[in-house]
Amino acid sequence: MSELQNIILARIRQDVQSMHAYAIQDSAGMVKLDAMENPFNLPPGLQEQLGQRLGALALNRYPDGRVNQLRAALAAHAGMPEGFDIMLGNGSDELISLLAMACDVPPSAANGFKPAGILAPLPGFVMYAMSAQLQGLAFHGVPLTAEFELDGPGMLAAIAEHRPAIVYLAYPNNPTANLWDETVMAQIIQAQGEQGGLVVLDEAYQPFASRTYLDRIRAQPEAHQHVLLMRTLSKFGLAGVRLGYMMGPKALIAEIDKVRPPYNISVLNYECALFALGYVEVFAAQALEIKAQRATVFAALQSLPGVTPFKSEANMILTRVPDAQKTFDGMKALGVLIKNVSKMHPLLHNCIRITVGTSEENAKMLTALKASL
């Protein structure tokens, strides 16, 4: 590296230089079961309709007020509570980054003279910690129990000690795929509100879950004035469209929306999403099939010696095997791509994460898994 390059690199933050970029596995020619994607494409007739609709867009113009039609359509689709508003992001990742930016306030009497921080259970979605690091905020992780449940006392103690600006609760969680005990969640939400912080409920996998915390928010709106709820169209079936949304009390959404870049949702994004919301029954049928396949795969995994699958409320199954790296390498060599999460956290020792695919993909996955154990 030249002297000039070294001088230029000195302008880049040292913590950024020590990070690793988000890695996307090469999946060419593979059965792709590593990223919790919906395995079903649009039916051919709908593909043709969507193509014509996108081809008619004015790509020479910036996105217009039609994006507000999408906001209204998503609010209706989700059943947004009265008094709430909705904000769109280029995927939920952008919303998570914007939240860190908006909540980076200096220590003061209002926040107990504590620096702004983010708190979440671990293992969890990596972007919670990454957004904190990139914004220069402290990140506090509280380990789950050995059964992958929330450590209620540990979370409450961490809230009292650190007074975080944001507490994230993924519901279901990634990569453990489980729903938390709602009584424990309510205690955490109350404690965070009492110390003046936000709670963000991340329901990315809601299409595959048996319940939503939104029901509790609707029933007790006054107890959730500090709560935001995120969802995404990625698990709905539009991962390639990159569109997340966040609902919350109007006053909160109005403030966070101020740090959103202009035109962050492209005309292609919002037109694809509006089109898909016109055919919710198609995507609902896909979700039902994925849940049926999840049950079939879970039963098959349970029958394998040395294999322990954990119950799932998402479109993935966390599974403990005798040797995660050996299993991952063996399955990859056989053309099946999964995710080795065994090094993400000590609680995930020898765990792999398997996305639920089509019946054909799942059969190939099970064959490769048996050969690789």
Foldseek 3Di string as FASTA:
>chain_A
DDPVVVVVCVVPDPVVVPDDDDDDDDQVQFLEWADQFLQDDDPPVLVVVLVVVVVPDPQVDFDDPVLVVLQVLVCVVVVFAPQKGKDKFLAVLRVLLLVLVLQQDQADVLQPRAGAEEEEEPPFDPSNCVSCVVSVHHYHYHYAPLLRERPLVSLLVCCVVRVHQEYEDEALTPPAQHGYDVVSVLVNLQSNVVSPHAYEYEDAFVLQAPDDCVVVCNVPVVSHQRYKYKYACRNLRCVVLRMIMIMHRPVVCVSSCVSDDPSNRGPSSSSVSVSVSVVSVVSSVSSVQLNVLVVVLQVLQVPDPQKDWRDHSGQKIKMAHPAQVQLQVQLVVLRHHHARCCPVDVSSNRITMTGRYHPVSSVSSSVSNVVRD
